[in-house]
Amino acid sequence: MNRSTQKQTQDWVDHFRWNGSVAMRIPWHIGPDLSDGERAAITHSIQMFQLGEHSEGRHLMRYAKTWAARTGDTAHPEAIRMLIAEEQRHASVLGRFMEMNGIARLKSGSTDRIFWQARNLFGSLEISISVLVTAEIIAKIYYPALRDAATSIVLREICEQIHREEVAHVEFQTEQLARIRAGRPSYGIWATRILHRMLFYPTLIVVGWSHRIALRRASLSQWQFFSKCRSEFLHDLPAMTRPAPRPSRERSPTFSVPPSL
């Protein structure tokens, strides 16, 4: 993505506001439509993702306000607030579907605690967004898989709508990371990408293993899931980091030697 094609933060506020007015029109009137086999296959998986989608975002909002005060990007806190609201809506819709189909909600989980701790490890906007975008890149592959793991019309509609929103979330967050890292020298960008790989791949292995039963129900092996997520990550990673342009070297003026008299 070229910088010239990036949305301004206010554009994202407008996008989130519009999306909130049209999203999540789910055919709840259909009622519970999971078979016993489908319910058994996806229960653990949907419980974990529903829990992960639910975030109060208090620390992220604090980082966003600090960023706005430092840079003058006054629309950023509102964009982050609306991003959090969309994530909470995902949790709410998934929770309603679970309750409708007799699946209990989880109150806590080890994976969710690890992500929360990682987001707030150093108390910075960059780290928090890096962890969040890691989860959402994986979610871009997970939700189509969850959709295919059952014949439920309601679940299919939920997954397709959440997937569309996750794609937009990743674009928003990669643009924000690019702004935070603007001007970082090439060696700093190299180190940043290495560190993000060190975060992404262990996370992907844990998620793939934890959700293997639902993935298998969707006819997706762990390796196929890993490969698809890796492809998304490598596509999105360059947009998060742009090295500072190298300063142009000034050429010494060229003098012509006059002919000898």
C-alpha atoms as a PDB file:
ATOM      1  CA  MET A   1       0.000   0.000   0.000  1.00  0.00           C
ATOM      2  CA  ASN A   2       1.437   3.369  -0.973  1.00  0.00           C
ATOM      3  CA  ARG A   3       1.284   6.206   1.487  1.00  0.00           C
ATOM      4  CA  SER A   4      -0.678   8.215  -1.070  1.00  0.00           C
ATOM      5  CA  THR A   5      -3.505   5.654  -0.850  1.00  0.00           C
ATOM      6  CA  GLN A   6      -3.705   5.634   2.940  1.00  0.00           C
ATOM      7  CA  LYS A   7      -6.885   6.844   4.555  1.00  0.00           C
ATOM      8  CA  GLN A   8      -6.682   9.736   6.945  1.00  0.00           C
ATOM      9  CA  THR A   9      -7.798   8.946  10.486  1.00  0.00           C
ATOM     10  CA  GLN A  10     -11.004  10.935  10.044  1.00  0.00           C
ATOM     11  CA  ASP A  11     -11.807   8.765   7.016  1.00  0.00           C
ATOM     12  CA  TRP A  12     -11.669   5.743   9.320  1.00  0.00           C
ATOM     13  CA  VAL A  13     -13.972   7.447  11.825  1.00  0.00           C
ATOM     14  CA  ASP A  14     -16.428   8.018   8.977  1.00  0.00           C
ATOM     15  CA  HIS A  15     -16.050   4.393   7.858  1.00  0.00           C
ATOM     16  CA  PHE A  16     -16.679   2.971  11.339  1.00  0.00           C
ATOM     17  CA  ARG A  17     -19.666   5.268  11.823  1.00  0.00           C
ATOM     18  CA  TRP A  18     -21.199   4.166   8.507  1.00  0.00           C
ATOM     19  CA  ASN A  19     -20.452   0.511   9.131  1.00  0.00           C
ATOM     20  CA  GLY A  20     -22.051   0.660  12.559  1.00  0.00           C
ATOM     21  CA  SER A  21     -25.294   1.792  10.953  1.00  0.00           C
ATOM     22  CA  VAL A  22     -25.531  -1.117   8.502  1.00  0.00           C
ATOM     23  CA  ALA A  23     -23.620  -4.062  10.043  1.00  0.00           C
ATOM     24  CA  MET A  24     -24.728  -7.193  11.870  1.00  0.00           C
ATOM     25  CA  ARG A  25     -28.202  -7.657  10.454  1.00  0.00           C
ATOM     26  CA  ILE A  26     -28.376 -11.311  11.436  1.00  0.00           C
ATOM     27  CA  PRO A  27     -31.353 -13.625  10.632  1.00  0.00           C
ATOM     28  CA  TRP A  28     -31.995 -14.490  14.280  1.00  0.00           C
ATOM     29  CA  HIS A  29     -35.551 -15.543  13.444  1.00  0.00           C
ATOM     30  CA  ILE A  30     -34.157 -18.813  12.045  1.00  0.00           C
ATOM     31  CA  GLY A  31     -33.366 -19.908  15.584  1.00  0.00           C
ATOM     32  CA  PRO A  32     -30.849 -22.553  16.706  1.00  0.00           C
ATOM     33  CA  ASP A  33     -29.606 -24.365  13.608  1.00  0.00           C
ATOM     34  CA  LEU A  34     -26.488 -26.268  14.677  1.00  0.00           C
ATOM     35  CA  SER A  35     -26.514 -30.050  14.531  1.00  0.00           C
ATOM     36  CA  ASP A  36     -25.185 -31.983  17.525  1.00  0.00           C
ATOM     37  CA  GLY A  37     -22.047 -32.914  15.589  1.00  0.00           C
ATOM     38  CA  GLU A  38     -21.416 -29.324  14.530  1.00  0.00           C
ATOM     39  CA  ARG A  39     -21.928 -28.056  18.068  1.00  0.00           C
ATOM     40  CA  ALA A  40     -19.438 -30.569  19.445  1.00  0.00           C
ATOM     41  CA  ALA A  41     -16.849 -29.662  16.806  1.00  0.00           C
ATOM     42  CA  ILE A  42     -16.946 -25.870  17.179  1.00  0.00           C
ATOM     43  CA  THR A  43     -17.812 -25.341  20.857  1.00  0.00           C
ATOM     44  CA  HIS A  44     -14.269 -24.878  22.218  1.00  0.00           C
ATOM     45  CA  SER A  45     -13.196 -22.856  19.199  1.00  0.00           C
ATOM     46  CA  ILE A  46     -16.075 -20.388  19.194  1.00  0.00           C
ATOM     47  CA  GLN A  47     -15.841 -20.031  22.979  1.00  0.00           C
ATOM     48  CA  MET A  48     -12.198 -18.989  22.711  1.00  0.00           C
ATOM     49  CA  PHE A  49     -12.724 -16.524  19.868  1.00  0.00           C
ATOM     50  CA  GLN A  50     -15.813 -15.016  21.494  1.00  0.00           C
ATOM     51  CA  LEU A  51     -13.785 -14.380  24.625  1.00  0.00           C
ATOM     52  CA  GLY A  52     -10.927 -12.897  22.602  1.00  0.00           C
ATOM     53  CA  GLU A  53     -13.254 -10.487  20.792  1.00  0.00           C
ATOM     54  CA  HIS A  54     -14.479  -9.022  24.055  1.00  0.00           C
ATOM     55  CA  SER A  55     -12.125  -6.255  25.160  1.00  0.00           C
ATOM     56  CA  GLU A  56     -12.889  -3.161  27.176  1.00  0.00           C
ATOM     57  CA  GLY A  57      -9.906  -1.414  25.543  1.00  0.00           C
ATOM     58  CA  ARG A  58      -9.143   0.902  28.461  1.00  0.00           C
ATOM     59  CA  HIS A  59      -5.361   0.811  28.000  1.00  0.00           C
ATOM     60  CA  LEU A  60      -5.593   1.101  24.218  1.00  0.00           C
ATOM     61  CA  MET A  61      -7.736   4.218  24.592  1.00  0.00           C
ATOM     62  CA  ARG A  62      -5.155   5.706  26.947  1.00  0.00           C
ATOM     63  CA  TYR A  63      -2.361   5.068  24.427  1.00  0.00           C
ATOM     64  CA  ALA A  64      -4.497   6.568  21.644  1.00  0.00           C
ATOM     65  CA  LYS A  65      -5.087   9.766  23.639  1.00  0.00           C
ATOM     66  CA  THR A  66      -1.369  10.068  24.350  1.00  0.00           C
ATOM     67  CA  TRP A  67      -0.636   9.651  20.634  1.00  0.00           C
ATOM     68  CA  ALA A  68      -3.225  12.304  19.734  1.00  0.00           C
ATOM     69  CA  ALA A  69      -1.760  14.789  22.212  1.00  0.00           C
ATOM     70  CA  ARG A  70       1.757  14.198  20.899  1.00  0.00           C
ATOM     71  CA  THR A  71       1.008  14.265  17.163  1.00  0.00           C
ATOM     72  CA  GLY A  72      -2.131  16.344  16.804  1.00  0.00           C
ATOM     73  CA  ASP A  73      -4.026  13.419  15.285  1.00  0.00           C
ATOM     74  CA  THR A  74      -7.158  14.351  17.223  1.00  0.00           C
ATOM     75  CA  ALA A  75      -9.414  11.882  15.366  1.00  0.00           C
ATOM     76  CA  HIS A  76      -7.371   8.871  16.483  1.00  0.00           C
ATOM     77  CA  PRO A  77      -8.989   8.275  19.903  1.00  0.00           C
ATOM     78  CA  GLU A  78     -12.431   8.294  18.290  1.00  0.00           C
ATOM     79  CA  ALA A  79     -11.286   5.862  15.594  1.00  0.00           C
ATOM     80  CA  ILE A  80      -9.888   3.538  18.281  1.00  0.00           C
ATOM     81  CA  ARG A  81     -13.083   3.842  20.347  1.00  0.00           C
ATOM     82  CA  MET A  82     -15.167   2.814  17.342  1.00  0.00           C
ATOM     83  CA  LEU A  83     -12.763  -0.029  16.525  1.00  0.00           C
ATOM     84  CA  ILE A  84     -13.192  -1.337  20.082  1.00  0.00           C
ATOM     85  CA  ALA A  85     -16.967  -0.986  19.744  1.00  0.00           C
ATOM     86  CA  GLU A  86     -16.904  -3.186  16.645  1.00  0.00           C
ATOM     87  CA  GLU A  87     -14.856  -5.830  18.453  1.00  0.00           C
ATOM     88  CA  GLN A  88     -17.322  -5.769  21.328  1.00  0.00           C
ATOM     89  CA  ARG A  89     -20.170  -6.150  18.852  1.00  0.00           C
ATOM     90  CA  HIS A  90     -18.438  -9.252  17.465  1.00  0.00           C
ATOM     91  CA  ALA A  91     -18.309 -10.682  20.996  1.00  0.00           C
ATOM     92  CA  SER A  92     -21.949  -9.826  21.604  1.00  0.00           C
ATOM     93  CA  VAL A  93     -23.197 -11.411  18.366  1.00  0.00           C
ATOM     94  CA  LEU A  94     -21.091 -14.554  18.836  1.00  0.00           C
ATOM     95  CA  GLY A  95     -22.312 -14.775  22.435  1.00  0.00           C
ATOM     96  CA  ARG A  96     -25.942 -14.528  21.367  1.00  0.00           C
ATOM     97  CA  PHE A  97     -25.417 -17.264  18.771  1.00  0.00           C
ATOM     98  CA  MET A  98     -23.745 -19.472  21.378  1.00  0.00           C
ATOM     99  CA  GLU A  99     -26.544 -19.026  23.888  1.00  0.00           C
ATOM    100  CA  MET A 100     -29.137 -19.719  21.221  1.00  0.00           C
ATOM    101  CA  ASN A 101     -27.402 -23.017  20.454  1.00  0.00           C
ATOM    102  CA  GLY A 102     -26.710 -24.071  24.034  1.00  0.00           C
ATOM    103  CA  ILE A 103     -22.999 -23.184  24.141  1.00  0.00           C
ATOM    104  CA  ALA A 104     -21.784 -21.611  27.380  1.00  0.00           C
ATOM    105  CA  ARG A 105     -19.630 -18.484  27.394  1.00  0.00           C
ATOM    106  CA  LEU A 106     -16.181 -18.585  28.962  1.00  0.00           C
ATOM    107  CA  LYS A 107     -15.279 -16.051  31.632  1.00  0.00           C
ATOM    108  CA  SER A 108     -11.530 -16.386  31.177  1.00  0.00           C
ATOM    109  CA  GLY A 109      -8.949 -18.273  29.149  1.00  0.00           C
ATOM    110  CA  SER A 110      -5.174 -18.684  29.121  1.00  0.00           C
ATOM    111  CA  THR A 111      -4.764 -17.489  25.519  1.00  0.00           C
ATOM    112  CA  ASP A 112      -6.826 -14.373  26.154  1.00  0.00           C
ATOM    113  CA  ARG A 113      -4.757 -13.541  29.263  1.00  0.00           C
ATOM    114  CA  ILE A 114      -1.518 -13.925  27.310  1.00  0.00           C
ATOM    115  CA  PHE A 115      -2.758 -11.550  24.595  1.00  0.00           C
ATOM    116  CA  TRP A 116      -3.881  -9.007  27.204  1.00  0.00           C
ATOM    117  CA  GLN A 117      -0.512  -9.115  28.948  1.00  0.00           C
ATOM    118  CA  ALA A 118       1.378  -8.840  25.645  1.00  0.00           C
ATOM    119  CA  ARG A 119      -0.663  -5.826  24.515  1.00  0.00           C
ATOM    120  CA  ASN A 120       0.191  -3.968  27.710  1.00  0.00           C
ATOM    121  CA  LEU A 121       3.707  -5.283  28.264  1.00  0.00           C
ATOM    122  CA  PHE A 122       5.523  -2.015  27.567  1.00  0.00           C
ATOM    123  CA  GLY A 123       2.599   0.380  27.747  1.00  0.00           C
ATOM    124  CA  SER A 124       2.852   1.688  24.190  1.00  0.00           C
ATOM    125  CA  LEU A 125       0.471   2.188  21.299  1.00  0.00           C
ATOM    126  CA  GLU A 126       2.841   0.413  18.901  1.00  0.00           C
ATOM    127  CA  ILE A 127       3.073  -2.799  20.956  1.00  0.00           C
ATOM    128  CA  SER A 128      -0.650  -2.839  21.684  1.00  0.00           C
ATOM    129  CA  ILE A 129      -1.597  -2.460  18.019  1.00  0.00           C
ATOM    130  CA  SER A 130       1.060  -4.969  16.918  1.00  0.00           C
ATOM    131  CA  VAL A 131      -0.429  -7.652  19.173  1.00  0.00           C
ATOM    132  CA  LEU A 132      -3.988  -6.757  18.170  1.00  0.00           C
ATOM    133  CA  VAL A 133      -3.253  -6.833  14.439  1.00  0.00           C
ATOM    134  CA  THR A 134      -1.542 -10.221  14.865  1.00  0.00           C
ATOM    135  CA  ALA A 135      -4.781 -11.659  16.242  1.00  0.00           C
ATOM    136  CA  GLU A 136      -6.868 -10.025  13.532  1.00  0.00           C
ATOM    137  CA  ILE A 137      -4.690 -11.255  10.668  1.00  0.00           C
ATOM    138  CA  ILE A 138      -5.287 -14.775  11.971  1.00  0.00           C
ATOM    139  CA  ALA A 139      -9.004 -13.956  12.328  1.00  0.00           C
ATOM    140  CA  LYS A 140      -9.144 -13.157   8.599  1.00  0.00           C
ATOM    141  CA  ILE A 141      -8.544 -16.867   7.969  1.00  0.00           C
ATOM    142  CA  TYR A 142     -10.338 -18.214  11.031  1.00  0.00           C
ATOM    143  CA  TYR A 143     -13.815 -16.817  10.369  1.00  0.00           C
ATOM    144  CA  PRO A 144     -14.181 -18.276   6.857  1.00  0.00           C
ATOM    145  CA  ALA A 145     -13.064 -21.610   8.366  1.00  0.00           C
ATOM    146  CA  LEU A 146     -15.637 -21.354  11.169  1.00  0.00           C
ATOM    147  CA  ARG A 147     -18.279 -20.536   8.567  1.00  0.00           C
ATOM    148  CA  ASP A 148     -17.406 -23.717   6.662  1.00  0.00           C
ATOM    149  CA  ALA A 149     -17.363 -25.868   9.807  1.00  0.00           C
ATOM    150  CA  ALA A 150     -21.170 -25.862  10.026  1.00  0.00           C
ATOM    151  CA  THR A 151     -24.232 -25.619   7.815  1.00  0.00           C
ATOM    152  CA  SER A 152     -25.808 -22.995  10.080  1.00  0.00           C
ATOM    153  CA  ILE A 153     -27.246 -20.110   8.065  1.00  0.00           C
ATOM    154  CA  VAL A 154     -27.020 -17.828  11.104  1.00  0.00           C
ATOM    155  CA  LEU A 155     -23.365 -18.675  11.764  1.00  0.00           C
ATOM    156  CA  ARG A 156     -22.507 -18.227   8.095  1.00  0.00           C
ATOM    157  CA  GLU A 157     -23.931 -14.695   8.091  1.00  0.00           C
ATOM    158  CA  ILE A 158     -22.153 -13.828  11.342  1.00  0.00           C
ATOM    159  CA  CYS A 159     -18.794 -15.088  10.080  1.00  0.00           C
ATOM    160  CA  GLU A 160     -19.045 -13.313   6.739  1.00  0.00           C
ATOM    161  CA  GLN A 161     -19.862  -9.984   8.364  1.00  0.00           C
ATOM    162  CA  ILE A 162     -17.160 -10.286  11.024  1.00  0.00           C
ATOM    163  CA  HIS A 163     -14.640 -11.295   8.361  1.00  0.00           C
ATOM    164  CA  ARG A 164     -15.369  -8.149   6.334  1.00  0.00           C
ATOM    165  CA  GLU A 165     -14.864  -6.017   9.429  1.00  0.00           C
ATOM    166  CA  GLU A 166     -11.635  -7.799  10.386  1.00  0.00           C
ATOM    167  CA  VAL A 167     -10.214  -7.058   6.937  1.00  0.00           C
ATOM    168  CA  ALA A 168     -10.927  -3.360   7.489  1.00  0.00           C
ATOM    169  CA  HIS A 169      -9.488  -3.511  11.015  1.00  0.00           C
ATOM    170  CA  VAL A 170      -6.207  -4.920   9.726  1.00  0.00           C
ATOM    171  CA  GLU A 171      -5.981  -2.177   7.103  1.00  0.00           C
ATOM    172  CA  PHE A 172      -6.616   0.502   9.732  1.00  0.00           C
ATOM    173  CA  GLN A 173      -4.050  -0.923  12.124  1.00  0.00           C
ATOM    174  CA  THR A 174      -1.334  -1.434   9.521  1.00  0.00           C
ATOM    175  CA  GLU A 175      -1.731   2.182   8.450  1.00  0.00           C
ATOM    176  CA  GLN A 176      -1.475   3.315  12.062  1.00  0.00           C
ATOM    177  CA  LEU A 177       1.665   1.248  12.612  1.00  0.00           C
ATOM    178  CA  ALA A 178       3.174   2.755   9.462  1.00  0.00           C
ATOM    179  CA  ARG A 179       2.547   6.250  10.866  1.00  0.00           C
ATOM    180  CA  ILE A 180       4.077   5.350  14.217  1.00  0.00           C
ATOM    181  CA  ARG A 181       7.169   3.910  12.525  1.00  0.00           C
ATOM    182  CA  ALA A 182       7.528   6.616   9.892  1.00  0.00           C
ATOM    183  CA  GLY A 183      11.127   7.739   9.599  1.00  0.00           C
ATOM    184  CA  ARG A 184      12.584   4.687  11.327  1.00  0.00           C
ATOM    185  CA  PRO A 185      15.904   3.763   9.690  1.00  0.00           C
ATOM    186  CA  SER A 186      16.277   0.602   7.608  1.00  0.00           C
ATOM    187  CA  TYR A 187      18.013  -1.390  10.349  1.00  0.00           C
ATOM    188  CA  GLY A 188      15.189  -0.444  12.742  1.00  0.00           C
ATOM    189  CA  ILE A 189      12.573  -1.622  10.232  1.00  0.00           C
ATOM    190  CA  TRP A 190      14.488  -4.886   9.795  1.00  0.00           C
ATOM    191  CA  ALA A 191      14.528  -5.437  13.568  1.00  0.00           C
ATOM    192  CA  THR A 192      10.841  -4.536  13.851  1.00  0.00           C
ATOM    193  CA  ARG A 193       9.888  -7.107  11.224  1.00  0.00           C
ATOM    194  CA  ILE A 194      11.986  -9.797  12.907  1.00  0.00           C
ATOM    195  CA  LEU A 195      10.329  -9.098  16.258  1.00  0.00           C
ATOM    196  CA  HIS A 196       6.857  -9.215  14.695  1.00  0.00           C
ATOM    197  CA  ARG A 197       7.660 -12.598  13.149  1.00  0.00           C
ATOM    198  CA  MET A 198       8.740 -13.778  16.596  1.00  0.00           C
ATOM    199  CA  LEU A 199       5.306 -12.758  17.875  1.00  0.00           C
ATOM    200  CA  PHE A 200       3.237 -13.996  14.944  1.00  0.00           C
ATOM    201  CA  TYR A 201       4.480 -17.537  14.349  1.00  0.00           C
ATOM    202  CA  PRO A 202       4.301 -18.854  17.938  1.00  0.00           C
ATOM    203  CA  THR A 203       0.825 -17.275  18.209  1.00  0.00           C
ATOM    204  CA  LEU A 204      -0.234 -18.985  14.995  1.00  0.00           C
ATOM    205  CA  ILE A 205       1.000 -22.378  16.202  1.00  0.00           C
ATOM    206  CA  VAL A 206      -0.950 -22.021  19.464  1.00  0.00           C
ATOM    207  CA  VAL A 207      -4.136 -20.937  17.662  1.00  0.00           C
ATOM    208  CA  GLY A 208      -3.861 -23.686  15.037  1.00  0.00           C
ATOM    209  CA  TRP A 209      -3.469 -26.372  17.689  1.00  0.00           C
ATOM    210  CA  SER A 210      -6.180 -24.984  19.973  1.00  0.00           C
ATOM    211  CA  HIS A 211      -8.741 -24.813  17.145  1.00  0.00           C
ATOM    212  CA  ARG A 212      -7.728 -27.975  15.292  1.00  0.00           C
ATOM    213  CA  ILE A 213     -11.068 -29.763  15.769  1.00  0.00           C
ATOM    214  CA  ALA A 214     -13.101 -26.924  14.265  1.00  0.00           C
ATOM    215  CA  LEU A 215     -10.556 -26.517  11.465  1.00  0.00           C
ATOM    216  CA  ARG A 216     -10.777 -30.223  10.694  1.00  0.00           C
ATOM    217  CA  ARG A 217     -14.571 -29.912  10.537  1.00  0.00           C
ATOM    218  CA  ALA A 218     -14.029 -27.176   7.923  1.00  0.00           C
ATOM    219  CA  SER A 219     -11.768 -29.565   5.927  1.00  0.00           C
ATOM    220  CA  LEU A 220      -8.755 -27.407   6.747  1.00  0.00           C
ATOM    221  CA  SER A 221      -5.625 -29.051   8.095  1.00  0.00           C
ATOM    222  CA  GLN A 222      -3.425 -27.235  10.582  1.00  0.00           C
ATOM    223  CA  TRP A 223      -0.774 -26.875   7.888  1.00  0.00           C
ATOM    224  CA  GLN A 224      -3.287 -25.355   5.447  1.00  0.00           C
ATOM    225  CA  PHE A 225      -4.448 -22.956   8.157  1.00  0.00           C
ATOM    226  CA  PHE A 226      -0.841 -22.078   8.968  1.00  0.00           C
ATOM    227  CA  SER A 227      -0.036 -21.503   5.296  1.00  0.00           C
ATOM    228  CA  LYS A 228      -3.052 -19.240   4.698  1.00  0.00           C
ATOM    229  CA  CYS A 229      -2.337 -17.165   7.806  1.00  0.00           C
ATOM    230  CA  ARG A 230       1.342 -16.882   6.914  1.00  0.00           C
ATOM    231  CA  SER A 231       0.431 -15.631   3.446  1.00  0.00           C
ATOM    232  CA  GLU A 232      -1.837 -12.940   4.929  1.00  0.00           C
ATOM    233  CA  PHE A 233       0.850 -11.910   7.402  1.00  0.00           C
ATOM    234  CA  LEU A 234       3.567 -11.580   4.770  1.00  0.00           C
ATOM    235  CA  HIS A 235       1.172  -9.556   2.619  1.00  0.00           C
ATOM    236  CA  ASP A 236       0.322  -7.159   5.460  1.00  0.00           C
ATOM    237  CA  LEU A 237       3.753  -6.876   7.098  1.00  0.00           C
ATOM    238  CA  PRO A 238       5.342  -4.483   4.551  1.00  0.00           C
ATOM    239  CA  ALA A 239       2.444  -2.038   4.985  1.00  0.00           C
ATOM    240  CA  MET A 240       3.232  -1.781   8.707  1.00  0.00           C
ATOM    241  CA  THR A 241       6.829  -0.673   8.202  1.00  0.00           C
ATOM    242  CA  ARG A 242       8.385   1.782   5.786  1.00  0.00           C
ATOM    243  CA  PRO A 243      12.026   2.729   6.172  1.00  0.00           C
ATOM    244  CA  ALA A 244      13.010   6.374   6.092  1.00  0.00           C
ATOM    245  CA  PRO A 245      14.168   7.554   2.676  1.00  0.00           C
ATOM    246  CA  ARG A 246      17.910   7.707   2.301  1.00  0.00           C
ATOM    247  CA  PRO A 247      19.268  11.233   2.147  1.00  0.00           C
ATOM    248  CA  SER A 248      20.476  12.118  -1.287  1.00  0.00           C
ATOM    249  CA  ARG A 249      24.185  12.739  -1.567  1.00  0.00           C
ATOM    250  CA  GLU A 250      25.212  16.157  -2.731  1.00  0.00           C
ATOM    251  CA  ARG A 251      27.570  15.964  -5.627  1.00  0.00           C
ATOM    252  CA  SER A 252      30.693  18.066  -5.600  1.00  0.00           C
ATOM    253  CA  PRO A 253      30.562  20.716  -8.275  1.00  0.00           C
ATOM    254  CA  THR A 254      32.393  19.778 -11.419  1.00  0.00           C
ATOM    255  CA  PHE A 255      34.938  22.296 -12.606  1.00  0.00           C
ATOM    256  CA  SER A 256      36.283  22.350 -16.091  1.00  0.00           C
ATOM    257  CA  VAL A 257      39.969  22.926 -16.469  1.00  0.00           C
ATOM    258  CA  PRO A 258      40.588  25.826 -18.792  1.00  0.00           C
ATOM    259  CA  PRO A 259      42.923  25.151 -21.648  1.00  0.00           C
ATOM    260  CA  SER A 260      46.521  26.134 -21.054  1.00  0.00           C
ATOM    261  CA  LEU A 261      47.467  29.452 -22.395  1.00  0.00           C
END
